């Protein structure tokens, strides 16, 4: 419901969406369909009665068709056919020439990031970097701040504003067998 409400608010707020808003709205519509399908699959797997499946799943799947039509209408009405001009300029300002996301963070976090990731952060003057105000490391071997991604997400602050900087969770490579749920308040 939250994704649907956010999508409707974005579309209703203006006649013309900026490319980043269009991309976000497009992503939310796709997420709605994905979440709906996941729920439908779960209902089919756990509901043994054909009658219950028929009475619940039939109307439920009709709702999914409406989401798919909404996505198609949005895609052809709002999403530009080409990715030139402003969107390309926005993307280029966010990513460095080697394709890495530009990060701006305090020096103590920068040293830790460079040590763990094996990458040096380059200083750029163009702006467009993602501001990081705090960072934690997840490593299964215990050498980071957390051993599970779920614990790191739980430690993240609630409802942070983008202009104050993001809480970065750096996950060291490996297989993490856990289900992760990120609350809406972990923005």
N, C-alpha and C. Protein backbone atom coordinates (compact mmCIF):
# COMPACT_ATOMS: atom_id res chain seq x y z
N UNK A 1 0.81 -1.19 0.00
CA UNK A 1 0.00 0.00 0.00
C UNK A 1 0.86 1.26 0.00
N UNK A 2 1.97 1.21 0.75
CA UNK A 2 2.85 2.38 0.82
C UNK A 2 3.41 2.74 -0.56
N UNK A 3 3.84 1.72 -1.30
CA UNK A 3 4.40 1.98 -2.63
C UNK A 3 3.34 2.60 -3.54
N UNK A 4 2.13 2.08 -3.44
CA UNK A 4 1.04 2.59 -4.27
C UNK A 4 0.72 4.03 -3.90
N UNK A 5 0.66 4.33 -2.62
CA UNK A 5 0.39 5.70 -2.16
C UNK A 5 1.49 6.66 -2.62
N UNK A 6 2.73 6.24 -2.48
CA UNK A 6 3.86 7.07 -2.91
C UNK A 6 3.81 7.32 -4.41
N UNK A 7 3.48 6.30 -5.17
CA UNK A 7 3.37 6.43 -6.63
C UNK A 7 2.28 7.43 -7.01
N UNK A 8 1.13 7.29 -6.39
CA UNK A 8 0.01 8.20 -6.70
C UNK A 8 0.37 9.63 -6.32
N UNK A 9 1.01 9.83 -5.17
CA UNK A 9 1.42 11.18 -4.76
C UNK A 9 2.40 11.78 -5.75
N UNK A 10 3.35 11.00 -6.23
CA UNK A 10 4.34 11.50 -7.19
C UNK A 10 3.67 11.94 -8.49
N UNK A 11 2.76 11.12 -8.98
CA UNK A 11 2.10 11.42 -10.25
C UNK A 11 1.16 12.61 -10.09
N UNK A 12 0.45 12.67 -8.97
CA UNK A 12 -0.51 13.77 -8.75
C UNK A 12 0.16 15.10 -8.45
N UNK A 13 1.43 15.08 -8.05
CA UNK A 13 2.09 16.31 -7.63
C UNK A 13 2.49 17.21 -8.80
N UNK A 14 2.56 16.69 -10.00
CA UNK A 14 3.03 17.49 -11.13
C UNK A 14 2.55 16.90 -12.45
N UNK A 15 2.57 17.73 -13.48
CA UNK A 15 2.24 17.24 -14.82
C UNK A 15 3.45 16.61 -15.50
N UNK A 16 4.65 17.04 -15.09
CA UNK A 16 5.88 16.54 -15.69
C UNK A 16 6.81 16.07 -14.58
N UNK A 17 7.20 14.83 -14.62
CA UNK A 17 8.13 14.29 -13.63
C UNK A 17 9.56 14.45 -14.12
N UNK A 18 10.46 14.81 -13.20
CA UNK A 18 11.88 14.79 -13.54
C UNK A 18 12.28 13.34 -13.77
N UNK A 19 13.36 13.14 -14.49
CA UNK A 19 13.74 11.77 -14.84
C UNK A 19 14.00 10.91 -13.61
N UNK A 20 14.59 11.49 -12.56
CA UNK A 20 14.84 10.69 -11.35
C UNK A 20 13.52 10.31 -10.68
N UNK A 21 12.53 11.22 -10.68
CA UNK A 21 11.22 10.90 -10.12
C UNK A 21 10.52 9.83 -10.95
N UNK A 22 10.63 9.93 -12.26
CA UNK A 22 10.03 8.93 -13.14
C UNK A 22 10.66 7.56 -12.90
N UNK A 23 11.99 7.53 -12.75
CA UNK A 23 12.68 6.26 -12.48
C UNK A 23 12.23 5.67 -11.15
N UNK A 24 12.14 6.51 -10.11
CA UNK A 24 11.71 6.02 -8.80
C UNK A 24 10.28 5.49 -8.84
N UNK A 25 9.40 6.21 -9.51
CA UNK A 25 8.00 5.79 -9.62
C UNK A 25 7.89 4.49 -10.41
N UNK A 26 8.64 4.38 -11.49
CA UNK A 26 8.68 3.16 -12.30
C UNK A 26 9.13 1.98 -11.45
N UNK A 27 10.16 2.19 -10.65
CA UNK A 27 10.68 1.14 -9.77
C UNK A 27 9.63 0.72 -8.75
N UNK A 28 8.92 1.70 -8.18
CA UNK A 28 7.89 1.38 -7.19
C UNK A 28 6.75 0.56 -7.81
N UNK A 29 6.35 0.91 -9.03
CA UNK A 29 5.29 0.15 -9.69
C UNK A 29 5.73 -1.29 -9.95
N UNK A 30 6.97 -1.47 -10.33
CA UNK A 30 7.50 -2.83 -10.53
C UNK A 30 7.53 -3.58 -9.20
N UNK A 31 7.91 -2.89 -8.13
CA UNK A 31 7.95 -3.51 -6.80
C UNK A 31 6.55 -3.93 -6.35
N UNK A 32 5.55 -3.12 -6.67
CA UNK A 32 4.17 -3.47 -6.32
C UNK A 32 3.79 -4.80 -6.97
N UNK A 33 4.10 -4.93 -8.24
CA UNK A 33 3.76 -6.16 -8.97
C UNK A 33 4.54 -7.35 -8.40
N UNK A 34 5.81 -7.14 -8.11
CA UNK A 34 6.64 -8.21 -7.55
C UNK A 34 6.11 -8.65 -6.19
N UNK A 35 5.81 -7.68 -5.32
CA UNK A 35 5.29 -8.02 -3.99
C UNK A 35 3.94 -8.74 -4.09
N UNK A 36 3.11 -8.29 -4.99
CA UNK A 36 1.80 -8.90 -5.19
C UNK A 36 1.95 -10.35 -5.66
N UNK A 37 2.87 -10.58 -6.58
CA UNK A 37 3.10 -11.93 -7.09
C UNK A 37 3.66 -12.84 -6.00
N UNK A 38 4.56 -12.31 -5.17
CA UNK A 38 5.11 -13.08 -4.06
C UNK A 38 4.01 -13.49 -3.09
N UNK A 39 3.12 -12.55 -2.80
CA UNK A 39 1.99 -12.83 -1.91
C UNK A 39 1.07 -13.89 -2.53
N UNK A 40 0.81 -13.77 -3.81
CA UNK A 40 -0.04 -14.73 -4.52
C UNK A 40 0.58 -16.13 -4.48
N UNK A 41 1.88 -16.20 -4.71
CA UNK A 41 2.57 -17.50 -4.65
C UNK A 41 2.46 -18.11 -3.26
N UNK A 42 2.60 -17.28 -2.23
CA UNK A 42 2.47 -17.76 -0.86
C UNK A 42 1.08 -18.27 -0.54
N UNK A 43 0.07 -17.55 -1.02
CA UNK A 43 -1.32 -18.00 -0.81
C UNK A 43 -1.58 -19.33 -1.50
N UNK A 44 -1.08 -19.48 -2.71
CA UNK A 44 -1.28 -20.73 -3.44
C UNK A 44 -0.60 -21.90 -2.73
N UNK A 45 0.57 -21.64 -2.17
CA UNK A 45 1.34 -22.71 -1.52
C UNK A 45 0.74 -23.11 -0.18
N UNK A 46 0.12 -22.17 0.53
CA UNK A 46 -0.35 -22.47 1.88
C UNK A 46 -1.84 -22.76 1.97
N UNK A 47 -2.58 -22.49 0.92
CA UNK A 47 -4.03 -22.70 0.95
C UNK A 47 -4.37 -24.00 0.24
N UNK A 48 -4.70 -25.05 1.00
CA UNK A 48 -4.95 -26.35 0.36
C UNK A 48 -6.31 -26.44 -0.34
N UNK A 49 -7.28 -25.71 0.12
CA UNK A 49 -8.62 -25.84 -0.42
C UNK A 49 -8.77 -25.11 -1.75
N UNK A 50 -9.26 -25.84 -2.75
CA UNK A 50 -9.49 -25.24 -4.07
C UNK A 50 -10.52 -24.12 -3.97
N UNK A 51 -11.54 -24.33 -3.14
CA UNK A 51 -12.60 -23.33 -2.99
C UNK A 51 -12.05 -22.02 -2.41
N UNK A 52 -11.23 -22.15 -1.39
CA UNK A 52 -10.63 -20.95 -0.78
C UNK A 52 -9.70 -20.27 -1.78
N UNK A 53 -8.91 -21.07 -2.48
CA UNK A 53 -8.02 -20.49 -3.49
C UNK A 53 -8.81 -19.74 -4.53
N UNK A 54 -9.90 -20.32 -4.98
CA UNK A 54 -10.73 -19.70 -6.01
C UNK A 54 -11.36 -18.40 -5.52
N UNK A 55 -11.87 -18.41 -4.29
CA UNK A 55 -12.54 -17.23 -3.74
C UNK A 55 -11.58 -16.11 -3.38
N UNK A 56 -10.37 -16.44 -3.02
CA UNK A 56 -9.40 -15.41 -2.63
C UNK A 56 -8.51 -15.02 -3.80
N UNK A 57 -7.95 -16.02 -4.47
CA UNK A 57 -6.95 -15.73 -5.49
C UNK A 57 -7.50 -15.08 -6.75
N UNK A 58 -8.71 -15.42 -7.11
CA UNK A 58 -9.27 -14.85 -8.34
C UNK A 58 -9.38 -13.32 -8.25
N UNK A 59 -10.02 -12.77 -7.21
CA UNK A 59 -10.07 -11.31 -7.10
C UNK A 59 -8.68 -10.71 -6.84
N UNK A 60 -7.87 -11.44 -6.09
CA UNK A 60 -6.52 -10.97 -5.79
C UNK A 60 -5.71 -10.81 -7.07
N UNK A 61 -5.81 -11.78 -7.96
CA UNK A 61 -5.07 -11.72 -9.22
C UNK A 61 -5.63 -10.67 -10.18
N UNK A 62 -6.92 -10.36 -10.06
CA UNK A 62 -7.49 -9.27 -10.85
C UNK A 62 -6.83 -7.94 -10.46
N UNK A 63 -6.54 -7.79 -9.18
CA UNK A 63 -5.83 -6.59 -8.72
C UNK A 63 -4.46 -6.50 -9.36
N UNK A 64 -3.79 -7.62 -9.51
CA UNK A 64 -2.46 -7.63 -10.13
C UNK A 64 -2.54 -7.16 -11.58
N UNK A 65 -3.60 -7.54 -12.27
CA UNK A 65 -3.77 -7.09 -13.66
C UNK A 65 -3.88 -5.57 -13.72
N UNK A 66 -4.56 -4.98 -12.75
CA UNK A 66 -4.67 -3.52 -12.70
C UNK A 66 -3.30 -2.87 -12.48
N UNK A 67 -2.48 -3.48 -11.64
CA UNK A 67 -1.13 -2.94 -11.41
C UNK A 67 -0.30 -3.02 -12.69
N UNK A 68 -0.44 -4.12 -13.41
CA UNK A 68 0.32 -4.29 -14.66
C UNK A 68 -0.11 -3.25 -15.69
N UNK A 69 -1.41 -3.00 -15.79
CA UNK A 69 -1.90 -1.97 -16.71
C UNK A 69 -1.39 -0.59 -16.27
N UNK A 70 -1.41 -0.33 -14.97
CA UNK A 70 -0.90 0.95 -14.45
C UNK A 70 0.57 1.14 -14.82
N UNK A 71 1.35 0.08 -14.69
CA UNK A 71 2.77 0.15 -15.06
C UNK A 71 2.92 0.46 -16.55
N UNK A 72 2.15 -0.21 -17.37
CA UNK A 72 2.24 0.03 -18.82
C UNK A 72 1.85 1.46 -19.17
N UNK A 73 0.77 1.96 -18.58
CA UNK A 73 0.35 3.34 -18.84
C UNK A 73 1.42 4.33 -18.38
N UNK A 74 1.98 4.08 -17.20
CA UNK A 74 3.02 4.97 -16.69
C UNK A 74 4.25 4.93 -17.59
N UNK A 75 4.65 3.73 -17.98
CA UNK A 75 5.85 3.56 -18.80
C UNK A 75 5.72 4.32 -20.11
N UNK A 76 4.58 4.24 -20.74
CA UNK A 76 4.41 4.92 -22.02
C UNK A 76 4.04 6.39 -21.87
N UNK A 77 3.57 6.79 -20.69
CA UNK A 77 3.18 8.18 -20.50
C UNK A 77 4.25 9.06 -19.86
N UNK A 78 5.10 8.47 -19.02
CA UNK A 78 6.06 9.27 -18.26
C UNK A 78 7.52 8.94 -18.51
N UNK A 79 7.84 7.69 -18.72
CA UNK A 79 9.25 7.30 -18.84
C UNK A 79 9.74 7.63 -20.24
N UNK A 80 10.82 8.43 -20.33
CA UNK A 80 11.32 8.81 -21.66
C UNK A 80 11.83 7.59 -22.42
N UNK A 81 11.68 7.64 -23.74
CA UNK A 81 12.11 6.52 -24.58
C UNK A 81 13.62 6.43 -24.68
N UNK A 82 14.29 7.58 -24.61
CA UNK A 82 15.75 7.59 -24.67
C UNK A 82 16.30 8.12 -23.36
N UNK A 83 17.48 7.72 -23.06
CA UNK A 83 18.13 8.13 -21.83
C UNK A 83 19.22 9.15 -22.13
N UNK A 84 18.86 10.20 -22.81
CA UNK A 84 19.83 11.22 -23.16
C UNK A 84 19.50 12.49 -22.42
N UNK A 85 20.36 13.46 -22.54
CA UNK A 85 20.09 14.77 -21.98
C UNK A 85 20.26 14.80 -20.48
N UNK A 86 19.23 15.29 -19.80
CA UNK A 86 19.32 15.54 -18.37
C UNK A 86 19.62 14.28 -17.56
N UNK A 87 18.96 13.16 -17.88
CA UNK A 87 19.19 11.95 -17.11
C UNK A 87 20.65 11.54 -17.18
N UNK A 88 21.24 11.62 -18.37
CA UNK A 88 22.63 11.24 -18.54
C UNK A 88 23.53 12.18 -17.73
N UNK A 89 23.22 13.46 -17.75
CA UNK A 89 24.01 14.41 -16.98
C UNK A 89 23.89 14.13 -15.49
N UNK A 90 22.68 13.80 -15.01
CA UNK A 90 22.49 13.46 -13.60
C UNK A 90 23.30 12.22 -13.24
N UNK A 91 23.26 11.22 -14.10
CA UNK A 91 23.97 9.98 -13.83
C UNK A 91 25.48 10.22 -13.81
N UNK A 92 25.97 10.99 -14.78
CA UNK A 92 27.41 11.23 -14.85
C UNK A 92 27.90 12.02 -13.65
N UNK A 93 27.06 12.89 -13.10
CA UNK A 93 27.50 13.65 -11.94
C UNK A 93 27.54 12.78 -10.69
N UNK A 94 26.76 11.69 -10.65
CA UNK A 94 26.75 10.81 -9.49
C UNK A 94 27.88 9.79 -9.52
N UNK A 95 28.27 9.35 -10.71
CA UNK A 95 29.26 8.29 -10.82
C UNK A 95 30.56 8.85 -11.37
N UNK A 96 31.67 8.31 -10.89
CA UNK A 96 32.97 8.74 -11.40
C UNK A 96 33.20 8.12 -12.78
N UNK A 97 34.31 8.47 -13.40
CA UNK A 97 34.61 7.96 -14.74
C UNK A 97 34.74 6.44 -14.78
N UNK A 98 35.17 5.85 -13.66
CA UNK A 98 35.32 4.39 -13.63
C UNK A 98 34.04 3.67 -13.23
N UNK A 99 32.94 4.43 -13.09
CA UNK A 99 31.65 3.83 -12.81
C UNK A 99 31.32 3.66 -11.35
N UNK A 100 32.21 4.08 -10.45
CA UNK A 100 31.95 3.96 -9.02
C UNK A 100 31.13 5.15 -8.53
N UNK A 101 30.28 4.90 -7.58
CA UNK A 101 29.46 5.93 -6.98
C UNK A 101 30.35 6.84 -6.14
N UNK A 102 30.22 8.15 -6.34
CA UNK A 102 31.01 9.10 -5.56
C UNK A 102 30.50 9.18 -4.14
N UNK A 103 31.37 9.01 -3.17
CA UNK A 103 30.99 9.04 -1.76
C UNK A 103 31.72 10.17 -1.05
N UNK A 104 31.00 10.90 -0.24
CA UNK A 104 31.59 11.94 0.60
C UNK A 104 31.34 11.50 2.04
N UNK A 105 32.44 11.29 2.79
CA UNK A 105 32.29 10.80 4.16
C UNK A 105 33.39 11.35 5.04
N UNK A 106 33.18 11.35 6.36
CA UNK A 106 34.22 11.79 7.29
C UNK A 106 35.49 10.96 7.11
N UNK A 107 36.63 11.57 7.41
CA UNK A 107 37.92 10.91 7.15
C UNK A 107 38.06 9.57 7.88
N UNK A 108 37.54 9.46 9.11
CA UNK A 108 37.68 8.19 9.83
C UNK A 108 36.90 7.08 9.12
N UNK A 109 35.74 7.39 8.56
CA UNK A 109 34.97 6.39 7.81
C UNK A 109 35.64 6.10 6.47
N UNK A 110 36.23 7.13 5.88
CA UNK A 110 36.90 6.95 4.59
C UNK A 110 38.05 5.97 4.72
N UNK A 111 38.84 6.08 5.79
CA UNK A 111 39.96 5.16 6.00
C UNK A 111 39.47 3.72 6.16
N UNK A 112 38.40 3.55 6.92
CA UNK A 112 37.85 2.21 7.12
C UNK A 112 37.31 1.66 5.80
N UNK A 113 36.58 2.49 5.05
CA UNK A 113 36.02 2.07 3.76
C UNK A 113 37.13 1.64 2.81
N UNK A 114 38.18 2.45 2.71
CA UNK A 114 39.28 2.13 1.79
C UNK A 114 39.98 0.85 2.21
N UNK A 115 40.12 0.64 3.51
CA UNK A 115 40.78 -0.56 4.01
C UNK A 115 39.96 -1.82 3.70
N UNK A 116 38.67 -1.76 3.93
CA UNK A 116 37.81 -2.93 3.74
C UNK A 116 37.53 -3.20 2.26
N UNK A 117 37.25 -2.14 1.50
CA UNK A 117 36.84 -2.32 0.11
C UNK A 117 38.02 -2.48 -0.84
N UNK A 118 39.19 -2.00 -0.42
CA UNK A 118 40.34 -2.04 -1.31
C UNK A 118 40.29 -0.97 -2.38
N UNK A 119 39.43 0.03 -2.21
CA UNK A 119 39.30 1.13 -3.17
C UNK A 119 39.60 2.45 -2.48
N UNK A 120 40.27 3.31 -3.21
CA UNK A 120 40.52 4.66 -2.71
C UNK A 120 39.39 5.57 -3.17
N UNK A 121 38.93 6.43 -2.27
CA UNK A 121 37.94 7.43 -2.64
C UNK A 121 38.66 8.64 -3.21
N UNK A 122 38.28 9.02 -4.40
CA UNK A 122 38.90 10.18 -5.04
C UNK A 122 38.13 11.43 -4.69
N UNK A 123 38.85 12.50 -4.47
CA UNK A 123 38.22 13.79 -4.20
C UNK A 123 37.77 14.38 -5.52
N UNK A 124 36.52 14.77 -5.61
CA UNK A 124 36.02 15.43 -6.81
C UNK A 124 35.41 16.76 -6.41
N UNK A 125 35.40 17.66 -7.36
CA UNK A 125 34.89 19.00 -7.07
C UNK A 125 33.53 19.25 -7.68
N UNK A 126 33.00 18.31 -8.42
CA UNK A 126 31.76 18.54 -9.16
C UNK A 126 30.50 18.40 -8.34
N UNK A 127 30.59 17.99 -7.07
CA UNK A 127 29.37 17.75 -6.31
C UNK A 127 28.74 16.46 -6.79
N UNK A 128 27.48 16.26 -6.46
CA UNK A 128 26.77 15.08 -6.92
C UNK A 128 27.18 13.82 -6.19
N UNK A 129 27.98 13.96 -5.13
CA UNK A 129 28.38 12.78 -4.39
C UNK A 129 27.32 12.42 -3.36
N UNK A 130 27.31 11.18 -2.96
CA UNK A 130 26.40 10.73 -1.92
C UNK A 130 27.09 10.97 -0.58
N UNK A 131 26.42 11.73 0.28
CA UNK A 131 26.99 12.06 1.58
C UNK A 131 26.71 10.92 2.56
N UNK A 132 27.76 10.43 3.20
CA UNK A 132 27.66 9.35 4.18
C UNK A 132 28.06 9.94 5.53
N UNK A 133 27.17 9.87 6.52
CA UNK A 133 27.53 10.41 7.83
C UNK A 133 27.93 9.34 8.83
N UNK A 134 27.60 8.08 8.53
CA UNK A 134 27.99 7.00 9.41
C UNK A 134 28.09 5.72 8.59
N UNK A 135 28.97 4.82 9.01
CA UNK A 135 29.18 3.60 8.26
C UNK A 135 29.46 2.45 9.21
N UNK A 136 28.89 1.29 8.91
CA UNK A 136 29.19 0.07 9.66
C UNK A 136 29.57 -1.01 8.67
N UNK A 137 30.27 -2.00 9.17
CA UNK A 137 30.73 -3.11 8.32
C UNK A 137 30.13 -4.40 8.84
N UNK A 138 29.61 -5.19 7.90
CA UNK A 138 29.08 -6.51 8.22
C UNK A 138 30.07 -7.53 7.69
N UNK A 139 30.55 -8.40 8.58
CA UNK A 139 31.46 -9.46 8.18
C UNK A 139 31.15 -10.70 9.00
N UNK A 140 30.93 -11.80 8.31
CA UNK A 140 30.56 -13.05 8.98
C UNK A 140 31.62 -13.54 9.96
N UNK A 141 32.88 -13.16 9.72
CA UNK A 141 33.94 -13.66 10.59
C UNK A 141 34.07 -12.88 11.90
N UNK A 142 33.22 -11.86 12.09
CA UNK A 142 33.23 -11.10 13.34
C UNK A 142 34.17 -9.92 13.36
N UNK A 143 34.91 -9.69 12.28
CA UNK A 143 35.87 -8.58 12.27
C UNK A 143 35.22 -7.23 11.97
N UNK A 144 33.94 -7.21 11.62
CA UNK A 144 33.24 -5.95 11.37
C UNK A 144 32.45 -5.52 12.58
N UNK A 145 31.57 -4.54 12.38
CA UNK A 145 30.71 -4.08 13.47
C UNK A 145 29.59 -5.08 13.76
N UNK A 146 29.16 -5.81 12.73
CA UNK A 146 28.07 -6.78 12.86
C UNK A 146 28.42 -8.04 12.09
N UNK A 147 27.81 -9.16 12.52
CA UNK A 147 28.00 -10.42 11.81
C UNK A 147 26.84 -10.73 10.87
N UNK A 148 25.71 -10.03 11.05
CA UNK A 148 24.56 -10.25 10.17
C UNK A 148 24.09 -8.92 9.60
N UNK A 149 23.52 -8.99 8.41
CA UNK A 149 22.99 -7.80 7.75
C UNK A 149 21.78 -7.30 8.52
N UNK A 150 20.97 -8.20 9.03
CA UNK A 150 19.77 -7.81 9.79
C UNK A 150 20.13 -6.97 11.01
N UNK A 151 21.19 -7.33 11.71
CA UNK A 151 21.62 -6.55 12.87
C UNK A 151 22.07 -5.15 12.46
N UNK A 152 22.76 -5.05 11.34
CA UNK A 152 23.21 -3.74 10.85
C UNK A 152 22.02 -2.87 10.46
N UNK A 153 21.04 -3.47 9.81
CA UNK A 153 19.83 -2.72 9.43
C UNK A 153 19.10 -2.25 10.68
N UNK A 154 19.01 -3.11 11.69
CA UNK A 154 18.33 -2.74 12.94
C UNK A 154 19.04 -1.57 13.63
N UNK A 155 20.36 -1.49 13.48
CA UNK A 155 21.13 -0.41 14.11
C UNK A 155 21.04 0.91 13.35
N UNK A 156 20.58 0.87 12.12
CA UNK A 156 20.47 2.09 11.31
C UNK A 156 19.44 3.03 11.93
N UNK A 157 19.70 4.33 11.86
CA UNK A 157 18.74 5.29 12.42
C UNK A 157 17.44 5.32 11.61
N UNK A 158 16.39 5.78 12.24
CA UNK A 158 15.09 5.90 11.58
C UNK A 158 14.90 7.28 10.97
N UNK A 159 14.24 7.31 9.82
CA UNK A 159 13.79 8.55 9.17
C UNK A 159 14.88 9.62 9.07
N UNK A 160 15.99 9.28 8.48
CA UNK A 160 17.05 10.27 8.28
C UNK A 160 16.80 11.04 7.00
N UNK A 161 17.19 12.29 7.01
CA UNK A 161 17.05 13.14 5.82
C UNK A 161 18.30 12.98 4.96
N UNK A 162 18.12 12.94 3.65
CA UNK A 162 19.23 12.74 2.73
C UNK A 162 20.27 13.84 2.85
N UNK A 163 19.85 15.06 3.16
CA UNK A 163 20.81 16.17 3.23
C UNK A 163 21.74 16.07 4.44
N UNK A 164 21.38 15.27 5.44
CA UNK A 164 22.27 15.09 6.59
C UNK A 164 23.25 13.95 6.36
N UNK A 165 23.04 13.16 5.34
CA UNK A 165 23.94 12.05 5.03
C UNK A 165 23.29 10.71 5.33
N UNK A 166 23.78 9.70 4.65
CA UNK A 166 23.23 8.35 4.75
C UNK A 166 24.01 7.49 5.74
N UNK A 167 23.36 6.46 6.23
CA UNK A 167 23.96 5.43 7.06
C UNK A 167 24.36 4.32 6.10
N UNK A 168 25.65 4.11 5.93
CA UNK A 168 26.13 3.14 4.94
C UNK A 168 26.42 1.81 5.61
N UNK A 169 25.89 0.75 5.04
CA UNK A 169 26.18 -0.60 5.51
C UNK A 169 27.03 -1.27 4.44
N UNK A 170 28.30 -1.52 4.77
CA UNK A 170 29.20 -2.18 3.83
C UNK A 170 29.23 -3.65 4.20
N UNK A 171 28.80 -4.49 3.27
CA UNK A 171 28.75 -5.93 3.51
C UNK A 171 29.93 -6.58 2.82
N UNK A 172 30.80 -7.20 3.61
CA UNK A 172 31.96 -7.90 3.07
C UNK A 172 31.45 -9.14 2.33
N UNK A 173 32.08 -9.47 1.23
CA UNK A 173 31.66 -10.59 0.39
C UNK A 173 31.51 -11.88 1.17
N UNK A 174 30.56 -12.67 0.77
CA UNK A 174 30.32 -13.95 1.41
C UNK A 174 28.88 -14.36 1.22
N UNK A 175 28.52 -15.50 1.76
CA UNK A 175 27.15 -15.98 1.69
C UNK A 175 26.49 -15.72 3.03
N UNK A 176 25.45 -14.90 3.02
CA UNK A 176 24.71 -14.57 4.23
C UNK A 176 23.33 -15.20 4.09
N UNK A 177 23.09 -16.28 4.82
CA UNK A 177 21.81 -16.97 4.72
C UNK A 177 20.88 -16.42 5.78
N UNK A 178 20.17 -15.35 5.41
CA UNK A 178 19.23 -14.71 6.33
C UNK A 178 18.16 -13.99 5.52
N UNK A 179 17.02 -13.86 6.12
CA UNK A 179 15.95 -13.08 5.52
C UNK A 179 16.05 -11.67 6.09
N UNK A 180 16.03 -10.70 5.22
CA UNK A 180 16.20 -9.31 5.65
C UNK A 180 14.92 -8.55 5.35
N UNK A 181 14.42 -7.89 6.37
CA UNK A 181 13.25 -7.05 6.21
C UNK A 181 13.65 -5.64 6.62
N UNK A 182 13.43 -4.68 5.73
CA UNK A 182 13.80 -3.30 6.02
C UNK A 182 12.52 -2.50 6.20
N UNK A 183 12.34 -1.98 7.40
CA UNK A 183 11.14 -1.21 7.72
C UNK A 183 11.12 0.10 6.94
N UNK A 184 9.94 0.61 6.70
CA UNK A 184 9.80 1.87 5.97
C UNK A 184 10.49 3.01 6.71
N UNK A 185 10.57 2.92 8.03
CA UNK A 185 11.19 3.98 8.82
C UNK A 185 12.71 4.04 8.63
N UNK A 186 13.29 3.03 8.01
CA UNK A 186 14.74 3.01 7.78
C UNK A 186 15.05 3.68 6.45
N UNK A 187 14.69 4.95 6.34
CA UNK A 187 14.91 5.70 5.10
C UNK A 187 16.29 6.30 5.09
